[in-house]
Amino acid sequence: MLKDHFDNTYSHVKGQHNTIMYLKKVTEENEMTRLQAERQAQEFQQQMAELQEENKRREQQIEEEKRAQQEREQRHAAEVEQLKRDIEEAKNDEEMQKLRKEIEAKNEEAERQREETERAKQERDQQMKKLTEKIGKRSEERRVGKECRSRW
């Protein structure tokens, strides 16, 4: 009878020990997951701050380019107006032809500059899109990680 009682007590204590060891393991895994999630959150916040800073810098760059383009267009318009006045004052056909060619060259230059500005803007937009897609993927990984932790 005493031996049965001892065996039952031993089995019970061994079961409790196994349960405690399992809980300890789960607690350690949860702590590791929490620490990993905190590191990912810090990385994510750092990336977001970097993206915001980059976005701010690009917006300033775009504004500077817009101002420069406006200045170029104003100079171009003034040059064209001056050339038009010169044409009106020109006495012979040879001078008029030269002035017309200058106007055409100025118009072509202005168009080329507009195209360059548009290409640069498209390149910046593509880079920004790639960066935001990267952040979106990280957010999905974070969401899945949260779901996995909630199942514990």
Protein backbone atom coordinates (compact mmCIF):
# COMPACT_ATOMS: atom_id res chain seq x y z
CA MET A 1 0.00 0.00 0.00
CA LEU A 2 2.79 2.42 0.90
CA LYS A 3 4.64 1.44 -2.26
CA ASP A 4 1.51 2.18 -4.37
CA HIS A 5 1.14 5.54 -2.67
CA PHE A 6 4.82 6.28 -3.32
CA ASP A 7 4.49 5.22 -7.00
CA ASN A 8 1.41 7.43 -7.44
CA THR A 9 3.13 10.37 -5.79
CA TYR A 10 6.25 9.84 -7.89
CA SER A 11 4.20 9.68 -11.11
CA HIS A 12 2.33 12.83 -10.13
CA VAL A 13 5.55 14.71 -9.30
CA LYS A 14 7.17 13.50 -12.54
CA GLY A 15 4.11 14.72 -14.51
CA GLN A 16 4.28 18.10 -12.80
CA HIS A 17 8.00 18.30 -13.54
CA ASN A 18 7.36 17.55 -17.22
CA THR A 19 4.61 20.19 -17.31
CA ILE A 20 6.93 22.74 -15.69
CA MET A 21 9.70 21.95 -18.19
CA TYR A 22 7.25 22.29 -21.10
CA LEU A 23 5.97 25.63 -19.76
CA LYS A 24 9.53 26.82 -19.30
CA LYS A 25 10.34 25.91 -22.91
CA VAL A 26 7.21 27.66 -24.21
CA THR A 27 7.99 30.72 -22.11
CA GLU A 28 11.53 30.87 -23.51
CA GLU A 29 10.21 30.51 -27.07
CA ASN A 30 7.66 33.25 -26.45
CA GLU A 31 10.37 35.52 -25.05
CA MET A 32 12.56 34.87 -28.08
CA THR A 33 9.62 35.59 -30.38
CA ARG A 34 8.84 38.80 -28.47
CA LEU A 35 12.46 39.96 -28.68
CA GLN A 36 12.55 39.13 -32.37
CA ALA A 37 9.30 41.05 -32.93
CA GLU A 38 10.73 44.04 -31.04
CA ARG A 39 13.86 43.98 -33.22
CA GLN A 40 11.71 43.77 -36.35
CA ALA A 41 9.54 46.65 -35.11
CA GLN A 42 12.67 48.76 -34.46
CA GLU A 43 14.01 47.91 -37.92
CA PHE A 44 10.66 48.77 -39.43
CA GLN A 45 10.53 52.11 -37.61
CA GLN A 46 14.07 52.90 -38.70
CA GLN A 47 13.21 52.04 -42.31
CA MET A 48 10.10 54.18 -42.14
CA ALA A 49 12.11 57.11 -40.77
CA GLU A 50 14.66 56.66 -43.55
CA LEU A 51 11.90 56.50 -46.17
CA GLN A 52 10.24 59.60 -44.78
CA GLU A 53 13.56 61.45 -44.83
CA GLU A 54 14.24 60.25 -48.38
CA ASN A 55 10.73 61.27 -49.44
CA LYS A 56 11.20 64.71 -47.89
CA ARG A 57 14.54 65.10 -49.67
CA ARG A 58 13.00 64.06 -52.99
CA GLU A 59 10.09 66.45 -52.57
CA GLN A 60 12.56 69.28 -51.99
CA GLN A 61 14.51 68.16 -55.04
CA ILE A 62 11.32 68.11 -57.13
CA GLU A 63 10.42 71.62 -55.95
CA GLU A 64 13.90 72.87 -56.83
CA GLU A 65 13.61 71.27 -60.27
CA LYS A 66 10.18 72.86 -60.77
CA ARG A 67 11.55 76.29 -59.88
CA ALA A 68 14.52 75.77 -62.20
CA GLN A 69 12.19 74.64 -65.00
CA GLN A 70 9.98 77.70 -64.50
CA GLU A 71 13.03 79.95 -64.62
CA ARG A 72 14.22 78.25 -67.82
CA GLU A 73 10.78 78.64 -69.36
CA GLN A 74 10.66 82.31 -68.39
CA ARG A 75 14.11 82.89 -69.88
CA HIS A 76 13.06 80.99 -72.98
CA ALA A 77 9.87 83.05 -73.33
CA ALA A 78 11.87 86.26 -72.93
CA GLU A 79 14.41 85.10 -75.53
CA VAL A 80 11.63 84.14 -77.95
CA GLU A 81 9.97 87.53 -77.48
CA GLN A 82 13.28 89.26 -78.12
CA LEU A 83 13.83 87.18 -81.23
CA LYS A 84 10.32 88.02 -82.45
CA ARG A 85 11.07 91.71 -82.02
CA ASP A 86 14.34 91.22 -83.85
CA ILE A 87 12.48 89.55 -86.73
CA GLU A 88 10.12 92.47 -87.00
CA GLU A 89 13.05 94.82 -87.16
CA ALA A 90 15.03 92.67 -89.58
CA LYS A 91 15.46 94.31 -92.98
CA ASN A 92 16.36 91.38 -95.21
CA ASP A 93 15.35 87.75 -95.60
CA GLU A 94 18.73 86.41 -94.60
CA GLU A 95 18.53 87.92 -91.11
CA MET A 96 14.95 86.70 -90.73
CA GLN A 97 15.92 83.13 -91.63
CA LYS A 98 18.75 83.21 -89.09
CA LEU A 99 16.42 84.52 -86.37
CA ARG A 100 13.77 81.87 -87.18
CA LYS A 101 16.39 79.16 -86.84
CA GLU A 102 17.41 80.56 -83.47
CA ILE A 103 13.78 80.45 -82.34
CA GLU A 104 13.47 76.84 -83.47
CA ALA A 105 16.69 75.93 -81.67
CA LYS A 106 15.45 77.58 -78.44
CA ASN A 107 12.12 75.73 -78.71
CA GLU A 108 13.91 72.40 -79.24
CA GLU A 109 16.18 73.06 -76.25
CA ALA A 110 13.20 73.88 -74.03
CA GLU A 111 11.42 70.69 -75.13
CA ARG A 112 14.53 68.60 -74.47
CA GLN A 113 14.81 70.06 -70.96
CA ARG A 114 11.14 69.29 -70.27
CA GLU A 115 11.66 65.69 -71.38
CA GLU A 116 14.73 65.32 -69.15
CA THR A 117 12.79 66.66 -66.18
CA GLU A 118 9.94 64.22 -66.85
CA ARG A 119 12.34 61.26 -67.14
CA ALA A 120 14.01 62.17 -63.84
CA LYS A 121 10.61 62.40 -62.17
CA GLN A 122 9.59 58.98 -63.51
CA GLU A 123 12.83 57.43 -62.24
CA ARG A 124 12.24 58.89 -58.76
CA ASP A 125 8.66 57.60 -58.79
CA GLN A 126 9.86 54.10 -59.70
CA GLN A 127 12.43 54.14 -56.91
CA MET A 128 9.83 55.27 -54.40
CA LYS A 129 7.45 52.54 -55.57
CA LYS A 130 10.14 49.89 -55.05
CA LEU A 131 10.84 51.17 -51.54
CA THR A 132 7.17 51.21 -50.57
CA GLU A 133 6.72 47.66 -51.95
CA LYS A 134 9.61 46.52 -49.76
CA ILE A 135 7.96 48.03 -46.68
CA GLY A 136 4.65 46.40 -47.60
CA LYS A 137 6.31 42.97 -47.68
CA ARG A 138 7.81 43.57 -44.24
CA SER A 139 4.39 44.52 -42.89
CA GLU A 140 2.92 41.26 -44.22
CA GLU A 141 5.69 39.27 -42.50
CA ARG A 142 5.00 41.13 -39.28
CA ARG A 143 1.23 40.44 -39.54
CA VAL A 144 1.85 36.72 -40.10
CA GLY A 145 4.24 36.66 -37.14
CA LYS A 146 1.58 38.23 -34.93
CA GLU A 147 -0.97 35.64 -36.03
CA CYS A 148 1.45 32.81 -35.21
CA ARG A 149 2.10 34.23 -31.75
CA SER A 150 -1.59 34.64 -31.05
CA ARG A 151 -2.10 30.89 -31.61
CA TRP A 152 0.21 30.04 -28.71
